[in-house]
Structures are given as structure tokens and as C-alpha cells.
């Protein structure tokens, strides 16, 4: 089975109706997407691509996980820990 690419995911998201400027909430199992070329970054990138410019991608993360040690002194996630930076983070 071929890998699922960022471009293919973007095309599928656009067929579902995602457009520039949209706000989308993503929550799901990556294993259900298929064999991803570039792993989770392909999904993140496709969501950003389909909603850019001006869109917002909101995702669920596990609130029980201990992410506090990743934050800098201002409570922000350093750029080194950001999985995909198609545009500058706005936090």
C-alpha cells in the first residue's frame, strides 16, 4: 500500500470542504489515516495547508502528560519542540 502524503491529505481535506480561513478541530487516531510519509507532520502540515492563510488548527493533546518541563520561563513552547512550523506560532 502506498504512503499517504501531505498533498493527498490536503486534497482530501479540501474535498471535505476545508478552506482558507477556516477553524478546524482535529482529533483522531493517526493509525486510521494510513501509512504516512513524514508521520504526524504530514497530517499537521495538510491541515495548515488546507486552512491557510488565516485559518486555525486546534488539536487535542493529553492533559495528563507532563509537558511543563518543555516550557520556557515565560510558559511558552520553544521552537525546537514545535513539530511543524509552516508559519510562525502565535502563542
N, C-alpha and C. Protein backbone atom coordinates (compact mmCIF):
# COMPACT_ATOMS: atom_id res chain seq x y z
N UNK A 1 0.85 -1.19 0.00
CA UNK A 1 0.00 0.00 0.00
C UNK A 1 0.89 1.25 0.00
N UNK A 2 0.62 2.23 -0.87
CA UNK A 2 1.45 3.44 -0.95
C UNK A 2 1.29 4.31 0.30
N UNK A 3 2.30 5.14 0.53
CA UNK A 3 2.24 6.09 1.63
C UNK A 3 1.20 7.16 1.34
N UNK A 4 0.59 7.67 2.40
CA UNK A 4 -0.31 8.82 2.32
C UNK A 4 0.57 10.06 2.46
N UNK A 5 0.45 10.98 1.52
CA UNK A 5 1.29 12.17 1.52
C UNK A 5 0.53 13.39 2.05
N UNK A 6 1.29 14.41 2.38
CA UNK A 6 0.72 15.68 2.82
C UNK A 6 -0.18 16.26 1.73
N UNK A 7 0.27 16.20 0.47
CA UNK A 7 -0.52 16.74 -0.64
C UNK A 7 -1.83 15.99 -0.80
N UNK A 8 -1.78 14.67 -0.68
CA UNK A 8 -3.01 13.87 -0.80
C UNK A 8 -3.98 14.18 0.34
N UNK A 9 -3.44 14.31 1.55
CA UNK A 9 -4.29 14.66 2.69
C UNK A 9 -4.93 16.02 2.49
N UNK A 10 -4.14 16.99 2.00
CA UNK A 10 -4.69 18.33 1.77
C UNK A 10 -5.83 18.26 0.75
N UNK A 11 -5.62 17.55 -0.32
CA UNK A 11 -6.67 17.42 -1.34
C UNK A 11 -7.92 16.79 -0.75
N UNK A 12 -7.76 15.78 0.08
CA UNK A 12 -8.92 15.14 0.71
C UNK A 12 -9.63 16.09 1.67
N UNK A 13 -8.86 16.87 2.44
CA UNK A 13 -9.46 17.84 3.35
C UNK A 13 -10.23 18.91 2.59
N UNK A 14 -9.69 19.35 1.46
CA UNK A 14 -10.39 20.34 0.64
C UNK A 14 -11.66 19.75 0.03
N UNK A 15 -11.62 18.48 -0.35
CA UNK A 15 -12.84 17.83 -0.85
C UNK A 15 -13.91 17.74 0.24
N UNK A 16 -13.46 17.64 1.50
CA UNK A 16 -14.40 17.63 2.62
C UNK A 16 -14.97 19.01 2.92
N UNK A 17 -14.38 20.05 2.32
CA UNK A 17 -14.91 21.40 2.47
C UNK A 17 -14.04 22.36 3.25
N UNK A 18 -12.87 21.96 3.70
CA UNK A 18 -11.97 22.89 4.40
C UNK A 18 -11.45 23.93 3.42
N UNK A 19 -11.43 25.18 3.87
CA UNK A 19 -10.99 26.29 3.03
C UNK A 19 -10.11 27.24 3.82
N UNK A 20 -9.43 28.12 3.12
CA UNK A 20 -8.61 29.15 3.76
C UNK A 20 -9.46 29.94 4.74
N UNK A 21 -8.89 30.21 5.91
CA UNK A 21 -9.58 30.98 6.94
C UNK A 21 -10.45 30.17 7.86
N UNK A 22 -10.65 28.89 7.57
CA UNK A 22 -11.49 28.04 8.43
C UNK A 22 -10.80 27.74 9.75
N UNK A 23 -11.62 27.41 10.74
CA UNK A 23 -11.15 26.89 12.02
C UNK A 23 -11.53 25.42 12.03
N UNK A 24 -10.55 24.56 12.32
CA UNK A 24 -10.83 23.12 12.32
C UNK A 24 -10.28 22.50 13.59
N UNK A 25 -11.08 21.62 14.20
CA UNK A 25 -10.65 20.86 15.37
C UNK A 25 -10.31 19.46 14.91
N UNK A 26 -9.09 19.02 15.15
CA UNK A 26 -8.65 17.69 14.73
C UNK A 26 -8.45 16.80 15.95
N UNK A 27 -9.03 15.62 15.91
CA UNK A 27 -8.87 14.64 16.97
C UNK A 27 -9.10 13.27 16.36
N UNK A 28 -8.13 12.42 16.44
CA UNK A 28 -8.30 11.10 15.86
C UNK A 28 -7.04 10.26 16.01
N UNK A 29 -7.13 9.04 15.56
CA UNK A 29 -6.01 8.11 15.62
C UNK A 29 -5.23 8.16 14.31
N UNK A 30 -3.96 8.50 14.39
CA UNK A 30 -3.13 8.55 13.19
C UNK A 30 -3.07 7.19 12.50
N UNK A 31 -3.20 6.13 13.24
CA UNK A 31 -3.15 4.79 12.65
C UNK A 31 -4.30 4.57 11.66
N UNK A 32 -5.38 5.33 11.80
CA UNK A 32 -6.54 5.18 10.90
C UNK A 32 -6.35 5.94 9.59
N UNK A 33 -5.36 6.84 9.53
CA UNK A 33 -5.10 7.61 8.32
C UNK A 33 -4.40 6.76 7.27
N UNK A 34 -3.53 5.88 7.72
CA UNK A 34 -2.76 5.03 6.81
C UNK A 34 -1.28 5.24 7.02
N UNK A 35 -0.48 4.69 6.14
CA UNK A 35 0.99 4.82 6.21
C UNK A 35 1.37 6.23 5.78
N UNK A 36 1.79 7.02 6.73
CA UNK A 36 2.06 8.44 6.47
C UNK A 36 3.51 8.69 6.10
N UNK A 37 3.71 9.34 4.97
CA UNK A 37 5.04 9.81 4.59
C UNK A 37 5.32 11.03 5.46
N UNK A 38 6.34 10.98 6.29
CA UNK A 38 6.69 12.01 7.28
C UNK A 38 5.82 11.97 8.52
N UNK A 39 5.11 10.88 8.76
CA UNK A 39 4.39 10.68 10.01
C UNK A 39 3.39 11.78 10.32
N UNK A 40 3.23 12.08 11.62
CA UNK A 40 2.24 13.07 12.05
C UNK A 40 2.43 14.45 11.43
N UNK A 41 3.67 14.80 11.06
CA UNK A 41 3.91 16.11 10.44
C UNK A 41 3.14 16.25 9.13
N UNK A 42 2.89 15.15 8.43
CA UNK A 42 2.11 15.20 7.18
C UNK A 42 0.68 15.64 7.46
N UNK A 43 0.10 15.13 8.53
CA UNK A 43 -1.28 15.49 8.88
C UNK A 43 -1.34 16.94 9.34
N UNK A 44 -0.41 17.32 10.21
CA UNK A 44 -0.38 18.70 10.70
C UNK A 44 -0.20 19.67 9.54
N UNK A 45 0.76 19.37 8.66
CA UNK A 45 1.00 20.23 7.51
C UNK A 45 -0.19 20.33 6.59
N UNK A 46 -0.86 19.21 6.34
CA UNK A 46 -2.03 19.22 5.46
C UNK A 46 -3.16 20.06 6.04
N UNK A 47 -3.37 19.97 7.35
CA UNK A 47 -4.40 20.79 8.00
C UNK A 47 -4.06 22.27 7.89
N UNK A 48 -2.79 22.61 8.11
CA UNK A 48 -2.37 24.01 7.98
C UNK A 48 -2.50 24.47 6.54
N UNK A 49 -2.06 23.63 5.59
CA UNK A 49 -2.15 23.99 4.17
C UNK A 49 -3.59 24.24 3.74
N UNK A 50 -4.50 23.38 4.19
CA UNK A 50 -5.90 23.48 3.76
C UNK A 50 -6.62 24.69 4.35
N UNK A 51 -6.14 25.19 5.49
CA UNK A 51 -6.83 26.31 6.15
C UNK A 51 -6.08 27.64 6.01
N UNK A 52 -4.89 27.61 5.42
CA UNK A 52 -4.09 28.84 5.26
C UNK A 52 -4.52 29.58 3.99
N UNK A 53 -4.39 30.87 3.96
CA UNK A 53 -3.97 31.73 5.06
C UNK A 53 -5.14 32.06 5.99
N UNK A 54 -4.79 32.41 7.20
CA UNK A 54 -5.79 32.91 8.14
C UNK A 54 -6.56 31.87 8.91
N UNK A 55 -6.30 30.59 8.67
CA UNK A 55 -7.04 29.56 9.38
C UNK A 55 -6.45 29.23 10.74
N UNK A 56 -7.19 28.43 11.48
CA UNK A 56 -6.73 27.99 12.79
C UNK A 56 -6.94 26.50 12.91
N UNK A 57 -5.90 25.79 13.34
CA UNK A 57 -5.98 24.35 13.57
C UNK A 57 -5.90 24.13 15.07
N UNK A 58 -6.92 23.50 15.63
CA UNK A 58 -6.99 23.21 17.06
C UNK A 58 -6.91 21.70 17.20
N UNK A 59 -6.05 21.22 18.11
CA UNK A 59 -5.90 19.78 18.30
C UNK A 59 -5.94 19.42 19.77
N UNK A 60 -6.38 18.23 20.03
CA UNK A 60 -6.41 17.68 21.38
C UNK A 60 -5.02 17.15 21.72
N UNK A 61 -4.60 17.38 22.95
CA UNK A 61 -3.41 16.72 23.47
C UNK A 61 -3.76 16.13 24.82
N UNK A 62 -2.98 15.20 25.27
CA UNK A 62 -3.24 14.52 26.54
C UNK A 62 -2.92 15.45 27.70
N UNK A 63 -3.94 15.87 28.45
CA UNK A 63 -3.70 16.81 29.53
C UNK A 63 -3.05 16.15 30.75
N UNK A 64 -3.00 14.82 30.81
CA UNK A 64 -2.32 14.15 31.91
C UNK A 64 -0.82 14.03 31.70
N UNK A 65 -0.38 14.27 30.50
CA UNK A 65 1.05 14.18 30.21
C UNK A 65 1.78 15.34 30.89
N UNK A 66 3.04 15.13 31.15
CA UNK A 66 3.84 16.15 31.84
C UNK A 66 4.66 16.94 30.82
N UNK A 67 4.06 18.02 30.32
CA UNK A 67 4.72 18.86 29.34
C UNK A 67 5.36 20.09 29.96
N UNK A 68 5.15 20.30 31.25
CA UNK A 68 5.65 21.51 31.90
C UNK A 68 7.15 21.70 31.72
N UNK A 69 7.90 20.60 31.72
CA UNK A 69 9.35 20.72 31.60
C UNK A 69 9.78 21.20 30.21
N UNK A 70 8.87 21.18 29.23
CA UNK A 70 9.19 21.67 27.89
C UNK A 70 9.07 23.19 27.77
N UNK A 71 8.34 23.81 28.69
CA UNK A 71 8.05 25.23 28.59
C UNK A 71 9.24 26.07 29.01
N UNK A 72 9.36 27.25 28.38
CA UNK A 72 10.43 28.16 28.77
C UNK A 72 9.97 28.97 29.98
N UNK A 73 10.77 29.92 30.41
CA UNK A 73 10.49 30.71 31.60
C UNK A 73 9.19 31.52 31.48
N UNK A 74 8.76 31.80 30.24
CA UNK A 74 7.51 32.55 30.02
C UNK A 74 6.31 31.64 29.81
N UNK A 75 6.50 30.32 29.99
CA UNK A 75 5.40 29.38 29.82
C UNK A 75 5.08 29.07 28.37
N UNK A 76 6.03 29.27 27.48
CA UNK A 76 5.83 29.02 26.05
C UNK A 76 6.62 27.80 25.60
N UNK A 77 6.16 27.18 24.53
CA UNK A 77 6.86 26.04 23.96
C UNK A 77 7.98 26.56 23.07
N UNK A 78 9.24 26.19 23.35
CA UNK A 78 10.34 26.64 22.50
C UNK A 78 10.19 26.11 21.08
N UNK A 79 10.67 26.86 20.11
CA UNK A 79 10.55 26.49 18.70
C UNK A 79 11.13 25.12 18.42
N UNK A 80 12.14 24.70 19.15
CA UNK A 80 12.76 23.39 18.93
C UNK A 80 11.79 22.24 19.18
N UNK A 81 10.73 22.48 19.94
CA UNK A 81 9.76 21.42 20.26
C UNK A 81 8.51 21.46 19.38
N UNK A 82 8.42 22.43 18.48
CA UNK A 82 7.25 22.55 17.62
C UNK A 82 7.43 21.60 16.44
N UNK A 83 6.43 20.72 16.21
CA UNK A 83 6.54 19.69 15.19
C UNK A 83 6.54 20.24 13.77
N UNK A 84 5.74 21.24 13.52
CA UNK A 84 5.62 21.77 12.16
C UNK A 84 5.47 23.28 12.25
N UNK A 85 6.31 23.98 11.54
CA UNK A 85 6.23 25.44 11.63
C UNK A 85 6.06 26.04 10.22
N UNK A 86 4.93 25.74 9.58
CA UNK A 86 4.66 26.30 8.26
C UNK A 86 4.51 27.81 8.35
N UNK A 87 4.11 28.29 9.51
CA UNK A 87 4.07 29.72 9.76
C UNK A 87 4.47 29.92 11.23
N UNK A 88 4.79 31.13 11.57
CA UNK A 88 5.24 31.40 12.93
C UNK A 88 4.13 31.11 13.94
N UNK A 89 4.46 30.45 15.06
CA UNK A 89 3.45 30.22 16.11
C UNK A 89 2.94 31.55 16.65
N UNK A 90 1.69 31.58 17.07
CA UNK A 90 1.09 32.81 17.57
C UNK A 90 0.87 32.77 19.08
N UNK A 91 1.59 31.95 19.81
CA UNK A 91 1.38 31.91 21.26
C UNK A 91 2.30 32.81 22.00
